[in-house]
Amino acid sequence: MIETICSYKLDEHVDPISAKDIEELSKYYNWLMYQALMSSTKYSLNQMKERICPNEVMKPFFVANEHLESGGSVLKPSLEELQSAVNHAADQVLKSTKNVANWN
């Protein structure tokens, strides 16, 4: 966008765009991008948290069953598998913003 703005032919009586103005515009849009990424990441993690501990209205993130076997009860999938899945999902949410380029 900055290249398009800079390459646009201006009338002779209009001052050209200064490097300072370009830098301020770039910083402003970088800040907006940061805010958008932070907001969407927080929202995604909060939605994940609400689905892990659901109320009656929301569909749960996963379902675990307890099976009675000789010698006790067994949780399927295991607690370790559930924790690993939650950690992987949270990690993927956080990694999803790494490939977003700066606004230049």
Protein backbone atom coordinates (compact mmCIF):
# COMPACT_ATOMS: atom_id res chain seq x y z
CA MET A 1 0.00 0.00 0.00
CA ILE A 2 2.83 2.37 0.84
CA GLU A 3 4.43 1.73 -2.56
CA THR A 4 1.12 2.53 -4.25
CA ILE A 5 0.75 5.74 -2.27
CA CYS A 6 4.33 6.81 -2.98
CA SER A 7 4.11 6.02 -6.69
CA TYR A 8 0.87 7.99 -7.17
CA LYS A 9 1.42 11.11 -9.27
CA LEU A 10 0.58 14.22 -7.31
CA ASP A 11 -0.24 17.65 -8.62
CA GLU A 12 2.72 20.01 -8.72
CA HIS A 13 1.37 22.19 -5.91
CA VAL A 14 1.04 19.20 -3.52
CA ASP A 15 4.05 18.42 -1.34
CA PRO A 16 5.48 14.89 -1.67
CA ILE A 17 5.05 12.40 1.13
CA SER A 18 7.85 12.61 3.67
CA ALA A 19 9.78 9.62 4.98
CA LYS A 20 8.54 10.51 8.47
CA ASP A 21 4.90 10.25 7.35
CA ILE A 22 5.58 6.89 5.72
CA GLU A 23 7.24 5.62 8.90
CA GLU A 24 4.31 6.81 11.05
CA LEU A 25 1.82 5.10 8.73
CA SER A 26 3.81 1.87 8.83
CA LYS A 27 4.07 1.98 12.65
CA TYR A 28 0.35 2.68 12.95
CA TYR A 29 -0.65 -0.30 10.80
CA ASN A 30 1.90 -2.55 12.53
CA TRP A 31 0.30 -1.56 15.83
CA LEU A 32 -3.19 -2.31 14.46
CA MET A 33 -2.00 -5.70 13.19
CA TYR A 34 -0.48 -6.47 16.60
CA GLN A 35 -3.73 -5.52 18.34
CA ALA A 36 -5.77 -7.69 15.95
CA LEU A 37 -3.47 -10.69 16.43
CA MET A 38 -3.45 -10.29 20.19
CA SER A 39 -7.23 -9.95 20.32
CA SER A 40 -7.87 -12.98 18.11
CA THR A 41 -5.34 -15.11 20.01
CA LYS A 42 -6.89 -14.19 23.37
CA TYR A 43 -10.36 -14.93 21.99
CA SER A 44 -9.26 -18.33 20.66
CA LEU A 45 -7.60 -19.31 23.94
CA ASN A 46 -10.61 -18.13 25.97
CA GLN A 47 -12.96 -20.11 23.72
CA MET A 48 -10.79 -23.17 24.21
CA LYS A 49 -10.85 -22.67 27.98
CA GLU A 50 -14.64 -22.32 28.01
CA ARG A 51 -15.04 -25.50 25.98
CA ILE A 52 -12.67 -27.44 28.22
CA CYS A 53 -14.82 -26.47 31.22
CA PRO A 54 -18.21 -26.20 29.47
CA ASN A 55 -21.52 -25.10 30.85
CA GLU A 56 -24.81 -26.76 29.87
CA VAL A 57 -25.18 -24.70 26.68
CA MET A 58 -21.73 -25.04 25.12
CA LYS A 59 -20.52 -28.19 23.38
CA PRO A 60 -17.50 -29.68 25.20
CA PHE A 61 -14.03 -29.60 23.65
CA PHE A 62 -13.61 -33.35 24.14
CA VAL A 63 -15.39 -36.24 25.82
CA ALA A 64 -13.71 -38.58 28.26
CA ASN A 65 -15.21 -41.83 29.46
CA GLU A 66 -14.53 -43.71 32.63
CA HIS A 67 -14.47 -47.48 32.31
CA LEU A 68 -14.73 -49.80 35.27
CA GLU A 69 -12.23 -52.62 35.09
CA SER A 70 -11.05 -55.17 37.58
CA GLY A 71 -8.83 -53.35 39.99
CA GLY A 72 -10.32 -49.90 39.50
CA SER A 73 -11.52 -47.42 36.93
CA VAL A 74 -9.74 -46.25 33.80
CA LEU A 75 -10.17 -42.90 32.10
CA LYS A 76 -10.22 -43.12 28.29
CA PRO A 77 -8.52 -41.25 26.77
CA SER A 78 -6.00 -41.02 29.58
CA LEU A 79 -5.40 -37.80 31.49
CA GLU A 80 -1.96 -37.55 29.87
CA GLU A 81 -3.50 -37.83 26.38
CA LEU A 82 -6.07 -35.16 27.22
CA GLN A 83 -3.40 -32.82 28.60
CA SER A 84 -1.22 -33.40 25.54
CA ALA A 85 -4.15 -32.60 23.20
CA VAL A 86 -4.99 -29.39 25.08
CA ASN A 87 -1.33 -28.32 25.09
CA HIS A 88 -1.01 -29.06 21.37
CA ALA A 89 -4.15 -27.06 20.55
CA ALA A 90 -2.96 -24.07 22.62
CA ASP A 91 0.47 -24.29 21.00
CA GLN A 92 -1.10 -24.26 17.53
CA VAL A 93 -3.18 -21.18 18.39
CA LEU A 94 -0.04 -19.36 19.48
CA LYS A 95 2.01 -20.52 16.49
CA SER A 96 -0.68 -19.43 14.03
CA THR A 97 0.40 -15.81 14.38
CA LYS A 98 4.11 -16.43 13.70
CA ASN A 99 3.78 -16.35 9.91
CA VAL A 100 1.98 -13.02 9.77
CA ALA A 101 4.33 -10.51 8.21
CA ASN A 102 4.96 -7.02 9.51
CA TRP A 103 3.08 -4.24 7.78
CA ASN A 104 5.70 -2.64 5.55
